[in-house]
Every structure is written in C-alpha cells, then in structure tokens.
Amino acid sequence: RWGAKAEIIAPPGAPDWAPPPPSPQQAMIKALGRAHRWLKMLETGKVASMKELAEMEKLDGSYVSRIFRLTLLAPDIVAAILDGDQPEGLTLADLMEPLPMLWSEQRDRLGFPERD
C-alpha cells in the first residue's frame, strides 16, 4: 500500500494483462439492444421524438437514426447475431448501412442463407 492507493505486483516473468478488446459480435449485440430500448422509449412515450432521444442520450442524431434502423432487421437475422451465428466478417458498420425493407433482400445483402 502506498497511502490510499493499493498496488499489485505481478510475479517476475508474468505477462502483462489487459482485458480483451470487444469482439465485433459484442458491438452488434450492444447496438441491437440500444435500438430496441430506444424503440420502447418512443413507443411508451418516455421520449417524444428521435431528436429528444438523441439529446437525452447525449449522442448525435445521425448516429441514433442509424442505430435505430436496426429495429427493422429481419427477426432471424437478429436471432443469428444474438446466437453468434452471423456470417463471418459481418460487422456493425455493415448493419448501419441503409438496408432494404424486404427481409429476403436484407438476408441477401448481409450474407445470410435464404429461408424457405
């Protein structure tokens, strides 16, 4: 102890430890959670508009709008992302691009298999 500060000393030869960086899947899951939380806030009247939502979250309105579009993803795409079964290489940036409204076209664009 050094005053009020505690110091941890690793044994000699121990590697430096740092938490692993967030995975792309974690970023997508966080964004999906935010989008659906914001949708609920709008539906319940907790916020009256996207502008009010952006101000309340202290975020840029454009960013809020792009994340909010994730609420329009096909349910099977959302489920695959939450299960970690998304196509390899799919990123949050891919999801934030304007996507078609038709779920079949979303699947094609993002590399998900066709559904029967």
PDB file of N, CA and C in Angstrom:
ATOM      1  N   ARG A   1       0.838  -1.190   0.000  1.00  0.00           N
ATOM      2  CA  ARG A   1       0.000   0.000   0.000  1.00  0.00           C
ATOM      3  C   ARG A   1       0.871   1.237   0.000  1.00  0.00           C
ATOM      4  N   TRP A   2       0.432   2.169  -0.797  1.00  0.00           N
ATOM      5  CA  TRP A   2       1.089   3.474  -0.848  1.00  0.00           C
ATOM      6  C   TRP A   2       0.027   4.504  -0.521  1.00  0.00           C
ATOM      7  N   GLY A   3      -0.086   4.891   0.708  1.00  0.00           N
ATOM      8  CA  GLY A   3      -1.134   5.829   1.120  1.00  0.00           C
ATOM      9  C   GLY A   3      -2.493   5.163   0.931  1.00  0.00           C
ATOM     10  N   ALA A   4      -3.365   5.823   0.180  1.00  0.00           N
ATOM     11  CA  ALA A   4      -4.705   5.285  -0.061  1.00  0.00           C
ATOM     12  C   ALA A   4      -4.743   4.409  -1.310  1.00  0.00           C
ATOM     13  N   LYS A   5      -3.629   4.293  -1.989  1.00  0.00           N
ATOM     14  CA  LYS A   5      -3.590   3.553  -3.252  1.00  0.00           C
ATOM     15  C   LYS A   5      -2.967   2.183  -3.035  1.00  0.00           C
ATOM     16  N   ALA A   6      -3.621   1.140  -3.562  1.00  0.00           N
ATOM     17  CA  ALA A   6      -3.065  -0.207  -3.495  1.00  0.00           C
ATOM     18  C   ALA A   6      -2.353  -0.509  -4.804  1.00  0.00           C
ATOM     19  N   GLU A   7      -1.243  -1.208  -4.734  1.00  0.00           N
ATOM     20  CA  GLU A   7      -0.501  -1.568  -5.928  1.00  0.00           C
ATOM     21  C   GLU A   7      -0.343  -3.078  -5.955  1.00  0.00           C
ATOM     22  N   ILE A   8      -0.632  -3.677  -7.097  1.00  0.00           N
ATOM     23  CA  ILE A   8      -0.476  -5.119  -7.256  1.00  0.00           C
ATOM     24  C   ILE A   8       0.805  -5.356  -8.032  1.00  0.00           C
ATOM     25  N   ILE A   9       1.647  -6.199  -7.497  1.00  0.00           N
ATOM     26  CA  ILE A   9       2.915  -6.503  -8.137  1.00  0.00           C
ATOM     27  C   ILE A   9       2.847  -7.947  -8.610  1.00  0.00           C
ATOM     28  N   ALA A  10       2.970  -8.130  -9.932  1.00  0.00           N
ATOM     29  CA  ALA A  10       2.925  -9.467 -10.522  1.00  0.00           C
ATOM     30  C   ALA A  10       4.262 -10.171 -10.298  1.00  0.00           C
ATOM     31  N   PRO A  11       4.236 -11.501 -10.252  1.00  0.00           N
ATOM     32  CA  PRO A  11       5.496 -12.236 -10.106  1.00  0.00           C
ATOM     33  C   PRO A  11       6.407 -11.987 -11.300  1.00  0.00           C
ATOM     34  N   PRO A  12       7.699 -12.107 -11.109  1.00  0.00           N
ATOM     35  CA  PRO A  12       8.637 -11.889 -12.216  1.00  0.00           C
ATOM     36  C   PRO A  12       8.325 -12.844 -13.375  1.00  0.00           C
ATOM     37  N   GLY A  13       8.350 -12.309 -14.589  1.00  0.00           N
ATOM     38  CA  GLY A  13       8.118 -13.113 -15.778  1.00  0.00           C
ATOM     39  C   GLY A  13       6.652 -13.290 -16.144  1.00  0.00           C
ATOM     40  N   ALA A  14       5.750 -12.793 -15.327  1.00  0.00           N
ATOM     41  CA  ALA A  14       4.318 -12.903 -15.640  1.00  0.00           C
ATOM     42  C   ALA A  14       3.978 -11.923 -16.756  1.00  0.00           C
ATOM     43  N   PRO A  15       3.156 -12.358 -17.714  1.00  0.00           N
ATOM     44  CA  PRO A  15       2.809 -11.440 -18.810  1.00  0.00           C
ATOM     45  C   PRO A  15       1.911 -10.308 -18.315  1.00  0.00           C
ATOM     46  N   ASP A  16       2.034  -9.177 -18.990  1.00  0.00           N
ATOM     47  CA  ASP A  16       1.139  -8.058 -18.678  1.00  0.00           C
ATOM     48  C   ASP A  16      -0.266  -8.485 -19.052  1.00  0.00           C
ATOM     49  N   TRP A  17      -1.247  -8.102 -18.264  1.00  0.00           N
ATOM     50  CA  TRP A  17      -2.614  -8.495 -18.528  1.00  0.00           C
ATOM     51  C   TRP A  17      -3.428  -7.263 -18.892  1.00  0.00           C
ATOM     52  N   ALA A  18      -4.253  -7.429 -19.882  1.00  0.00           N
ATOM     53  CA  ALA A  18      -5.199  -6.376 -20.266  1.00  0.00           C
ATOM     54  C   ALA A  18      -6.472  -7.082 -20.704  1.00  0.00           C
ATOM     55  N   PRO A  19      -7.613  -6.484 -20.438  1.00  0.00           N
ATOM     56  CA  PRO A  19      -8.845  -7.134 -20.876  1.00  0.00           C
ATOM     57  C   PRO A  19      -8.878  -7.248 -22.395  1.00  0.00           C
ATOM     58  N   PRO A  20      -9.471  -8.322 -22.897  1.00  0.00           N
ATOM     59  CA  PRO A  20      -9.523  -8.471 -24.355  1.00  0.00           C
ATOM     60  C   PRO A  20     -10.388  -7.377 -24.979  1.00  0.00           C
ATOM     61  N   PRO A  21     -10.046  -6.948 -26.194  1.00  0.00           N
ATOM     62  CA  PRO A  21     -10.875  -5.927 -26.843  1.00  0.00           C
ATOM     63  C   PRO A  21     -12.247  -6.495 -27.169  1.00  0.00           C
ATOM     64  N   PRO A  22     -13.263  -5.651 -27.226  1.00  0.00           N
ATOM     65  CA  PRO A  22     -14.600  -6.158 -27.533  1.00  0.00           C
ATOM     66  C   PRO A  22     -14.624  -6.778 -28.929  1.00  0.00           C
ATOM     67  N   SER A  23     -15.372  -7.847 -29.056  1.00  0.00           N
ATOM     68  CA  SER A  23     -15.477  -8.507 -30.357  1.00  0.00           C
ATOM     69  C   SER A  23     -16.515  -7.785 -31.211  1.00  0.00           C
ATOM     70  N   PRO A  24     -16.436  -7.974 -32.536  1.00  0.00           N
ATOM     71  CA  PRO A  24     -17.455  -7.351 -33.393  1.00  0.00           C
ATOM     72  C   PRO A  24     -18.860  -7.782 -33.006  1.00  0.00           C
ATOM     73  N   GLN A  25     -19.014  -9.049 -32.565  1.00  0.00           N
ATOM     74  CA  GLN A  25     -20.337  -9.524 -32.175  1.00  0.00           C
ATOM     75  C   GLN A  25     -20.846  -8.727 -30.969  1.00  0.00           C
ATOM     76  N   GLN A  26     -19.979  -8.436 -30.002  1.00  0.00           N
ATOM     77  CA  GLN A  26     -20.399  -7.666 -28.834  1.00  0.00           C
ATOM     78  C   GLN A  26     -20.888  -6.288 -29.249  1.00  0.00           C
ATOM     79  N   ALA A  27     -20.222  -5.678 -30.214  1.00  0.00           N
ATOM     80  CA  ALA A  27     -20.641  -4.357 -30.696  1.00  0.00           C
ATOM     81  C   ALA A  27     -22.019  -4.438 -31.339  1.00  0.00           C
ATOM     82  N   MET A  28     -22.256  -5.488 -32.124  1.00  0.00           N
ATOM     83  CA  MET A  28     -23.561  -5.643 -32.774  1.00  0.00           C
ATOM     84  C   MET A  28     -24.659  -5.895 -31.739  1.00  0.00           C
ATOM     85  N   ILE A  29     -24.359  -6.722 -30.744  1.00  0.00           N
ATOM     86  CA  ILE A  29     -25.348  -7.018 -29.708  1.00  0.00           C
ATOM     87  C   ILE A  29     -25.689  -5.759 -28.918  1.00  0.00           C
ATOM     88  N   LYS A  30     -24.681  -4.982 -28.579  1.00  0.00           N
ATOM     89  CA  LYS A  30     -24.910  -3.727 -27.843  1.00  0.00           C
ATOM     90  C   LYS A  30     -25.775  -2.780 -28.666  1.00  0.00           C
ATOM     91  N   ALA A  31     -25.476  -2.663 -29.961  1.00  0.00           N
ATOM     92  CA  ALA A  31     -26.248  -1.769 -30.830  1.00  0.00           C
ATOM     93  C   ALA A  31     -27.691  -2.255 -30.975  1.00  0.00           C
ATOM     94  N   LEU A  32     -27.893  -3.552 -31.122  1.00  0.00           N
ATOM     95  CA  LEU A  32     -29.260  -4.092 -31.211  1.00  0.00           C
ATOM     96  C   LEU A  32     -30.029  -3.812 -29.920  1.00  0.00           C
ATOM     97  N   GLY A  33     -29.365  -3.995 -28.797  1.00  0.00           N
ATOM     98  CA  GLY A  33     -30.012  -3.711 -27.510  1.00  0.00           C
ATOM     99  C   GLY A  33     -30.398  -2.247 -27.388  1.00  0.00           C
ATOM    100  N   ARG A  34     -29.487  -1.371 -27.774  1.00  0.00           N
ATOM    101  CA  ARG A  34     -29.788   0.065 -27.732  1.00  0.00           C
ATOM    102  C   ARG A  34     -30.977   0.395 -28.626  1.00  0.00           C
ATOM    103  N   ALA A  35     -30.956  -0.119 -29.855  1.00  0.00           N
ATOM    104  CA  ALA A  35     -32.014   0.199 -30.810  1.00  0.00           C
ATOM    105  C   ALA A  35     -33.381  -0.209 -30.268  1.00  0.00           C
ATOM    106  N   HIS A  36     -33.462  -1.398 -29.706  1.00  0.00           N
ATOM    107  CA  HIS A  36     -34.754  -1.872 -29.209  1.00  0.00           C
ATOM    108  C   HIS A  36     -35.159  -1.158 -27.917  1.00  0.00           C
ATOM    109  N   ARG A  37     -34.184  -0.764 -27.116  1.00  0.00           N
ATOM    110  CA  ARG A  37     -34.507   0.030 -25.911  1.00  0.00           C
ATOM    111  C   ARG A  37     -35.064   1.382 -26.331  1.00  0.00           C
ATOM    112  N   TRP A  38     -34.436   1.995 -27.344  1.00  0.00           N
ATOM    113  CA  TRP A  38     -34.907   3.297 -27.829  1.00  0.00           C
ATOM    114  C   TRP A  38     -36.296   3.184 -28.450  1.00  0.00           C
ATOM    115  N   LEU A  39     -36.553   2.108 -29.162  1.00  0.00           N
ATOM    116  CA  LEU A  39     -37.882   1.896 -29.742  1.00  0.00           C
ATOM    117  C   LEU A  39     -38.931   1.837 -28.637  1.00  0.00           C
ATOM    118  N   LYS A  40     -38.635   1.110 -27.577  1.00  0.00           N
ATOM    119  CA  LYS A  40     -39.567   1.006 -26.446  1.00  0.00           C
ATOM    120  C   LYS A  40     -39.801   2.382 -25.809  1.00  0.00           C
ATOM    121  N   MET A  41     -38.732   3.178 -25.705  1.00  0.00           N
ATOM    122  CA  MET A  41     -38.865   4.512 -25.123  1.00  0.00           C
ATOM    123  C   MET A  41     -39.803   5.378 -25.966  1.00  0.00           C
ATOM    124  N   LEU A  42     -39.692   5.258 -27.286  1.00  0.00           N
ATOM    125  CA  LEU A  42     -40.577   6.024 -28.173  1.00  0.00           C
ATOM    126  C   LEU A  42     -42.011   5.498 -28.110  1.00  0.00           C
ATOM    127  N   GLU A  43     -42.165   4.187 -28.098  1.00  0.00           N
ATOM    128  CA  GLU A  43     -43.499   3.589 -28.066  1.00  0.00           C
ATOM    129  C   GLU A  43     -44.251   3.898 -26.778  1.00  0.00           C
ATOM    130  N   THR A  44     -43.530   3.944 -25.669  1.00  0.00           N
ATOM    131  CA  THR A  44     -44.180   4.193 -24.385  1.00  0.00           C
ATOM    132  C   THR A  44     -44.348   5.683 -24.087  1.00  0.00           C
ATOM    133  N   GLY A  45     -43.771   6.540 -24.911  1.00  0.00           N
ATOM    134  CA  GLY A  45     -43.902   7.977 -24.703  1.00  0.00           C
ATOM    135  C   GLY A  45     -42.875   8.556 -23.752  1.00  0.00           C
ATOM    136  N   LYS A  46     -41.879   7.758 -23.350  1.00  0.00           N
ATOM    137  CA  LYS A  46     -40.841   8.284 -22.467  1.00  0.00           C
ATOM    138  C   LYS A  46     -40.096   9.423 -23.151  1.00  0.00           C
ATOM    139  N   VAL A  47     -39.938   9.309 -24.469  1.00  0.00           N
ATOM    140  CA  VAL A  47     -39.409  10.406 -25.281  1.00  0.00           C
ATOM    141  C   VAL A  47     -40.400  10.647 -26.408  1.00  0.00           C
ATOM    142  N   ALA A  48     -40.474  11.881 -26.870  1.00  0.00           N
ATOM    143  CA  ALA A  48     -41.473  12.231 -27.879  1.00  0.00           C
ATOM    144  C   ALA A  48     -40.937  12.160 -29.302  1.00  0.00           C
ATOM    145  N   SER A  49     -39.607  12.227 -29.455  1.00  0.00           N
ATOM    146  CA  SER A  49     -39.047  12.260 -30.805  1.00  0.00           C
ATOM    147  C   SER A  49     -37.630  11.710 -30.792  1.00  0.00           C
ATOM    148  N   MET A  50     -37.132  11.447 -32.005  1.00  0.00           N
ATOM    149  CA  MET A  50     -35.749  10.994 -32.138  1.00  0.00           C
ATOM    150  C   MET A  50     -34.787  12.091 -31.677  1.00  0.00           C
ATOM    151  N   LYS A  51     -35.145  13.339 -31.938  1.00  0.00           N
ATOM    152  CA  LYS A  51     -34.295  14.456 -31.512  1.00  0.00           C
ATOM    153  C   LYS A  51     -34.184  14.488 -29.991  1.00  0.00           C
ATOM    154  N   GLU A  52     -35.308  14.330 -29.319  1.00  0.00           N
ATOM    155  CA  GLU A  52     -35.302  14.314 -27.850  1.00  0.00           C
ATOM    156  C   GLU A  52     -34.496  13.121 -27.332  1.00  0.00           C
ATOM    157  N   LEU A  53     -34.642  11.986 -28.002  1.00  0.00           N
ATOM    158  CA  LEU A  53     -33.901  10.791 -27.621  1.00  0.00           C
ATOM    159  C   LEU A  53     -32.395  11.029 -27.743  1.00  0.00           C
ATOM    160  N   ALA A  54     -31.967  11.605 -28.845  1.00  0.00           N
ATOM    161  CA  ALA A  54     -30.541  11.892 -29.060  1.00  0.00           C
ATOM    162  C   ALA A  54     -30.014  12.851 -27.997  1.00  0.00           C
ATOM    163  N   GLU A  55     -30.800  13.857 -27.672  1.00  0.00           N
ATOM    164  CA  GLU A  55     -30.377  14.816 -26.644  1.00  0.00           C
ATOM    165  C   GLU A  55     -30.278  14.137 -25.279  1.00  0.00           C
ATOM    166  N   MET A  56     -31.255  13.294 -24.969  1.00  0.00           N
ATOM    167  CA  MET A  56     -31.262  12.607 -23.684  1.00  0.00           C
ATOM    168  C   MET A  56     -30.068  11.657 -23.559  1.00  0.00           C
ATOM    169  N   GLU A  57     -29.716  10.974 -24.664  1.00  0.00           N
ATOM    170  CA  GLU A  57     -28.598  10.028 -24.657  1.00  0.00           C
ATOM    171  C   GLU A  57     -27.253  10.722 -24.872  1.00  0.00           C
ATOM    172  N   LYS A  58     -27.304  12.049 -25.154  1.00  0.00           N
ATOM    173  CA  LYS A  58     -26.092  12.834 -25.430  1.00  0.00           C
ATOM    174  C   LYS A  58     -25.316  12.246 -26.609  1.00  0.00           C
ATOM    175  N   LEU A  59     -26.065  11.934 -27.669  1.00  0.00           N
ATOM    176  CA  LEU A  59     -25.498  11.362 -28.886  1.00  0.00           C
ATOM    177  C   LEU A  59     -25.932  12.182 -30.088  1.00  0.00           C
ATOM    178  N   ASP A  60     -25.172  12.072 -31.165  1.00  0.00           N
ATOM    179  CA  ASP A  60     -25.509  12.731 -32.410  1.00  0.00           C
ATOM    180  C   ASP A  60     -26.787  12.118 -32.989  1.00  0.00           C
ATOM    181  N   GLY A  61     -27.678  12.960 -33.470  1.00  0.00           N
ATOM    182  CA  GLY A  61     -28.945  12.495 -34.018  1.00  0.00           C
ATOM    183  C   GLY A  61     -28.772  11.548 -35.197  1.00  0.00           C
ATOM    184  N   SER A  62     -27.763  11.790 -36.008  1.00  0.00           N
ATOM    185  CA  SER A  62     -27.496  10.916 -37.156  1.00  0.00           C
ATOM    186  C   SER A  62     -27.121   9.516 -36.687  1.00  0.00           C
ATOM    187  N   TYR A  63     -26.283   9.436 -35.665  1.00  0.00           N
ATOM    188  CA  TYR A  63     -25.887   8.137 -35.115  1.00  0.00           C
ATOM    189  C   TYR A  63     -27.091   7.405 -34.547  1.00  0.00           C
ATOM    190  N   VAL A  64     -27.914   8.113 -33.810  1.00  0.00           N
ATOM    191  CA  VAL A  64     -29.118   7.500 -33.226  1.00  0.00           C
ATOM    192  C   VAL A  64     -30.009   6.950 -34.332  1.00  0.00           C
ATOM    193  N   SER A  65     -30.183   7.703 -35.403  1.00  0.00           N
ATOM    194  CA  SER A  65     -31.015   7.251 -36.519  1.00  0.00           C
ATOM    195  C   SER A  65     -30.450   5.995 -37.177  1.00  0.00           C
ATOM    196  N   ARG A  66     -29.139   5.943 -37.350  1.00  0.00           N
ATOM    197  CA  ARG A  66     -28.525   4.768 -37.981  1.00  0.00           C
ATOM    198  C   ARG A  66     -28.659   3.534 -37.099  1.00  0.00           C
ATOM    199  N   ILE A  67     -28.460   3.696 -35.796  1.00  0.00           N
ATOM    200  CA  ILE A  67     -28.618   2.560 -34.885  1.00  0.00           C
ATOM    201  C   ILE A  67     -30.088   2.152 -34.813  1.00  0.00           C
ATOM    202  N   PHE A  68     -30.978   3.125 -34.817  1.00  0.00           N
ATOM    203  CA  PHE A  68     -32.407   2.849 -34.696  1.00  0.00           C
ATOM    204  C   PHE A  68     -32.912   1.981 -35.853  1.00  0.00           C
ATOM    205  N   ARG A  69     -32.280   2.105 -37.024  1.00  0.00           N
ATOM    206  CA  ARG A  69     -32.690   1.288 -38.175  1.00  0.00           C
ATOM    207  C   ARG A  69     -32.530  -0.203 -37.913  1.00  0.00           C
ATOM    208  N   LEU A  70     -31.733  -0.569 -36.925  1.00  0.00           N
ATOM    209  CA  LEU A  70     -31.551  -1.992 -36.605  1.00  0.00           C
ATOM    210  C   LEU A  70     -32.851  -2.637 -36.138  1.00  0.00           C
ATOM    211  N   THR A  71     -33.813  -1.829 -35.716  1.00  0.00           N
ATOM    212  CA  THR A  71     -35.108  -2.387 -35.308  1.00  0.00           C
ATOM    213  C   THR A  71     -35.873  -2.935 -36.504  1.00  0.00           C
ATOM    214  N   LEU A  72     -35.426  -2.623 -37.711  1.00  0.00           N
ATOM    215  CA  LEU A  72     -36.102  -3.079 -38.928  1.00  0.00           C
ATOM    216  C   LEU A  72     -35.481  -4.345 -39.508  1.00  0.00           C
ATOM    217  N   LEU A  73     -34.484  -4.904 -38.839  1.00  0.00           N
ATOM    218  CA  LEU A  73     -33.861  -6.128 -39.324  1.00  0.00           C
ATOM    219  C   LEU A  73     -34.811  -7.318 -39.193  1.00  0.00           C
ATOM    220  N   ALA A  74     -34.666  -8.265 -40.113  1.00  0.00           N
ATOM    221  CA  ALA A  74     -35.460  -9.494 -40.056  1.00  0.00           C
ATOM    222  C   ALA A  74     -35.203 -10.192 -38.714  1.00  0.00           C
ATOM    223  N   PRO A  75     -36.244 -10.727 -38.095  1.00  0.00           N
ATOM    224  CA  PRO A  75     -36.080 -11.386 -36.792  1.00  0.00           C
ATOM    225  C   PRO A  75     -35.046 -12.515 -36.799  1.00  0.00           C
ATOM    226  N   ASP A  76     -34.969 -13.266 -37.887  1.00  0.00           N
ATOM    227  CA  ASP A  76     -33.989 -14.360 -37.929  1.00  0.00           C
ATOM    228  C   ASP A  76     -32.559 -13.821 -38.002  1.00  0.00           C
ATOM    229  N   ILE A  77     -32.372 -12.659 -38.593  1.00  0.00           N
ATOM    230  CA  ILE A  77     -31.037 -12.043 -38.620  1.00  0.00           C
ATOM    231  C   ILE A  77     -30.646 -11.628 -37.208  1.00  0.00           C
ATOM    232  N   VAL A  78     -31.571 -11.005 -36.493  1.00  0.00           N
ATOM    233  CA  VAL A  78     -31.309 -10.598 -35.107  1.00  0.00           C
ATOM    234  C   VAL A  78     -30.983 -11.825 -34.261  1.00  0.00           C
ATOM    235  N   ALA A  79     -31.779 -12.882 -34.394  1.00  0.00           N
ATOM    236  CA  ALA A  79     -31.555 -14.105 -33.611  1.00  0.00           C
ATOM    237  C   ALA A  79     -30.182 -14.706 -33.921  1.00  0.00           C
ATOM    238  N   ALA A  80     -29.800 -14.718 -35.195  1.00  0.00           N
ATOM    239  CA  ALA A  80     -28.495 -15.266 -35.574  1.00  0.00           C
ATOM    240  C   ALA A  80     -27.364 -14.467 -34.946  1.00  0.00           C
ATOM    241  N   ILE A  81     -27.493 -13.152 -34.944  1.00  0.00           N
ATOM    242  CA  ILE A  81     -26.453 -12.300 -34.344  1.00  0.00           C
ATOM    243  C   ILE A  81     -26.368 -12.552 -32.842  1.00  0.00           C
ATOM    244  N   LEU A  82     -27.508 -12.633 -32.186  1.00  0.00           N
ATOM    245  CA  LEU A  82     -27.512 -12.869 -30.741  1.00  0.00           C
ATOM    246  C   LEU A  82     -26.935 -14.241 -30.393  1.00  0.00           C
ATOM    247  N   ASP A  83     -27.116 -15.217 -31.298  1.00  0.00           N
ATOM    248  CA  ASP A  83     -26.586 -16.567 -31.083  1.00  0.00           C
ATOM    249  C   ASP A  83     -25.134 -16.708 -31.545  1.00  0.00           C
ATOM    250  N   GLY A  84     -24.598 -15.672 -32.188  1.00  0.00           N
ATOM    251  CA  GLY A  84     -23.238 -15.739 -32.704  1.00  0.00           C
ATOM    252  C   GLY A  84     -23.131 -16.500 -34.013  1.00  0.00           C
ATOM    253  N   ASP A  85     -24.258 -16.661 -34.712  1.00  0.00           N
ATOM    254  CA  ASP A  85     -24.290 -17.419 -35.970  1.00  0.00           C
ATOM    255  C   ASP A  85     -24.334 -16.524 -37.200  1.00  0.00           C
ATOM    256  N   GLN A  86     -23.893 -15.299 -37.092  1.00  0.00           N
ATOM    257  CA  GLN A  86     -23.889 -14.389 -38.237  1.00  0.00           C
ATOM    258  C   GLN A  86     -22.776 -14.785 -39.199  1.00  0.00           C
ATOM    259  N   PRO A  87     -22.890 -14.395 -40.465  1.00  0.00           N
ATOM    260  CA  PRO A  87     -21.824 -14.701 -41.422  1.00  0.00           C
ATOM    261  C   PRO A  87     -20.490 -14.115 -40.966  1.00  0.00           C
ATOM    262  N   GLU A  88     -19.435 -14.860 -41.216  1.00  0.00           N
ATOM    263  CA  GLU A  88     -18.105 -14.389 -40.830  1.00  0.00           C
ATOM    264  C   GLU A  88     -17.796 -13.094 -41.566  1.00  0.00           C
ATOM    265  N   GLY A  89     -17.269 -12.141 -40.853  1.00  0.00           N
ATOM    266  CA  GLY A  89     -16.914 -10.865 -41.461  1.00  0.00           C
ATOM    267  C   GLY A  89     -18.001  -9.804 -41.354  1.00  0.00           C
ATOM    268  N   LEU A  90     -19.200 -10.180 -40.900  1.00  0.00           N
ATOM    269  CA  LEU A  90     -20.270  -9.199 -40.737  1.00  0.00           C
ATOM    270  C   LEU A  90     -19.924  -8.285 -39.568  1.00  0.00           C
ATOM    271  N   THR A  91     -20.045  -6.980 -39.773  1.00  0.00           N
ATOM    272  CA  THR A  91     -19.700  -6.015 -38.731  1.00  0.00           C
ATOM    273  C   THR A  91     -20.871  -5.074 -38.471  1.00  0.00           C
ATOM    274  N   LEU A  92     -20.749  -4.318 -37.402  1.00  0.00           N
ATOM    275  CA  LEU A  92     -21.761  -3.313 -37.098  1.00  0.00           C
ATOM    276  C   LEU A  92     -21.844  -2.291 -38.221  1.00  0.00           C
ATOM    277  N   ALA A  93     -20.723  -1.953 -38.818  1.00  0.00           N
ATOM    278  CA  ALA A  93     -20.732  -0.993 -39.932  1.00  0.00           C
ATOM    279  C   ALA A  93     -21.600  -1.504 -41.079  1.00  0.00           C
ATOM    280  N   ASP A  94     -21.563  -2.809 -41.334  1.00  0.00           N
ATOM    281  CA  ASP A  94     -22.423  -3.391 -42.376  1.00  0.00           C
ATOM    282  C   ASP A  94     -23.893  -3.211 -42.025  1.00  0.00           C
ATOM    283  N   LEU A  95     -24.223  -3.394 -40.757  1.00  0.00           N
ATOM    284  CA  LEU A  95     -25.617  -3.278 -40.321  1.00  0.00           C
ATOM    285  C   LEU A  95     -26.103  -1.837 -40.336  1.00  0.00           C
ATOM    286  N   MET A  96     -25.196  -0.892 -40.190  1.00  0.00           N
ATOM    287  CA  MET A  96     -25.586   0.512 -40.126  1.00  0.00           C
ATOM    288  C   MET A  96     -25.761   1.140 -41.502  1.00  0.00           C
ATOM    289  N   GLU A  97     -25.359   0.419 -42.542  1.00  0.00           N
ATOM    290  CA  GLU A  97     -25.606   0.905 -43.903  1.00  0.00           C
ATOM    291  C   GLU A  97     -27.107   0.820 -44.177  1.00  0.00           C
ATOM    292  N   PRO A  98     -27.640   1.695 -45.026  1.00  0.00           N
ATOM    293  CA  PRO A  98     -29.053   1.576 -45.370  1.00  0.00           C
ATOM    294  C   PRO A  98     -29.325   0.188 -45.966  1.00  0.00           C
ATOM    295  N   LEU A  99     -30.313  -0.485 -45.410  1.00  0.00           N
ATOM    296  CA  LEU A  99     -30.667  -1.835 -45.846  1.00  0.00           C
ATOM    297  C   LEU A  99     -32.061  -1.840 -46.460  1.00  0.00           C
ATOM    298  N   PRO A 100     -32.324  -2.802 -47.346  1.00  0.00           N
ATOM    299  CA  PRO A 100     -33.662  -2.892 -47.925  1.00  0.00           C
ATOM    300  C   PRO A 100     -34.700  -3.221 -46.850  1.00  0.00           C
ATOM    301  N   MET A 101     -35.933  -2.852 -47.119  1.00  0.00           N
ATOM    302  CA  MET A 101     -37.016  -3.154 -46.176  1.00  0.00           C
ATOM    303  C   MET A 101     -37.416  -4.627 -46.242  1.00  0.00           C
ATOM    304  N   LEU A 102     -37.311  -5.236 -47.422  1.00  0.00           N
ATOM    305  CA  LEU A 102     -37.682  -6.649 -47.555  1.00  0.00           C
ATOM    306  C   LEU A 102     -36.654  -7.525 -46.842  1.00  0.00           C
ATOM    307  N   TRP A 103     -37.135  -8.395 -45.979  1.00  0.00           N
ATOM    308  CA  TRP A 103     -36.237  -9.239 -45.200  1.00  0.00           C
ATOM    309  C   TRP A 103     -35.410 -10.160 -46.092  1.00  0.00           C
ATOM    310  N   SER A 104     -35.995 -10.651 -47.179  1.00  0.00           N
ATOM    311  CA  SER A 104     -35.242 -11.533 -48.077  1.00  0.00           C
ATOM    312  C   SER A 104     -34.064 -10.776 -48.700  1.00  0.00           C
ATOM    313  N   GLU A 105     -34.270  -9.517 -49.030  1.00  0.00           N
ATOM    314  CA  GLU A 105     -33.197  -8.707 -49.595  1.00  0.00           C
ATOM    315  C   GLU A 105     -32.134  -8.377 -48.532  1.00  0.00           C
ATOM    316  N   GLN A 106     -32.571  -8.201 -47.273  1.00  0.00           N
ATOM    317  CA  GLN A 106     -31.612  -7.990 -46.186  1.00  0.00           C
ATOM    318  C   GLN A 106     -30.702  -9.212 -46.055  1.00  0.00           C
ATOM    319  N   ARG A 107     -31.308 -10.407 -46.094  1.00  0.00           N
ATOM    320  CA  ARG A 107     -30.525 -11.634 -45.983  1.00  0.00           C
ATOM    321  C   ARG A 107     -29.486 -11.722 -47.102  1.00  0.00           C
ATOM    322  N   ASP A 108     -29.920 -11.418 -48.329  1.00  0.00           N
ATOM    323  CA  ASP A 108     -29.002 -11.455 -49.474  1.00  0.00           C
ATOM    324  C   ASP A 108     -27.852 -10.474 -49.271  1.00  0.00           C
ATOM    325  N   ARG A 109     -28.169  -9.261 -48.898  1.00  0.00           N
ATOM    326  CA  ARG A 109     -27.161  -8.201 -48.767  1.00  0.00           C
ATOM    327  C   ARG A 109     -26.146  -8.520 -47.674  1.00  0.00           C
ATOM    328  N   LEU A 110     -26.615  -9.111 -46.561  1.00  0.00           N
ATOM    329  CA  LEU A 110     -25.743  -9.343 -45.414  1.00  0.00           C
ATOM    330  C   LEU A 110     -25.092 -10.723 -45.421  1.00  0.00           C
ATOM    331  N   GLY A 111     -25.459 -11.578 -46.375  1.00  0.00           N
ATOM    332  CA  GLY A 111     -24.825 -12.885 -46.487  1.00  0.00           C
ATOM    333  C   GLY A 111     -25.446 -13.979 -45.650  1.00  0.00           C
ATOM    334  N   PHE A 112     -26.715 -13.814 -45.274  1.00  0.00           N
ATOM    335  CA  PHE A 112     -27.418 -14.856 -44.537  1.00  0.00           C
ATOM    336  C   PHE A 112     -28.043 -15.828 -45.524  1.00  0.00           C
ATOM    337  N   PRO A 113     -28.169 -17.101 -45.155  1.00  0.00           N
ATOM    338  CA  PRO A 113     -28.775 -18.069 -46.070  1.00  0.00           C
ATOM    339  C   PRO A 113     -30.254 -17.755 -46.312  1.00  0.00           C
ATOM    340  N   GLU A 114     -30.743 -18.149 -47.494  1.00  0.00           N
ATOM    341  CA  GLU A 114     -32.153 -17.944 -47.817  1.00  0.00           C
ATOM    342  C   GLU A 114     -33.017 -18.819 -46.905  1.00  0.00           C
ATOM    343  N   ARG A 115     -34.206 -18.332 -46.638  1.00  0.00           N
ATOM    344  CA  ARG A 115     -35.151 -19.105 -45.823  1.00  0.00           C
ATOM    345  C   ARG A 115     -36.201 -19.701 -46.736  1.00  0.00           C
ATOM    346  N   ASP A 116     -36.734 -20.818 -46.307  1.00  0.00           N
ATOM    347  CA  ASP A 116     -37.791 -21.461 -47.102  1.00  0.00           C
ATOM    348  C   ASP A 116     -39.121 -20.780 -46.933  1.00  0.00           C
TER     349      ASP A 116
END
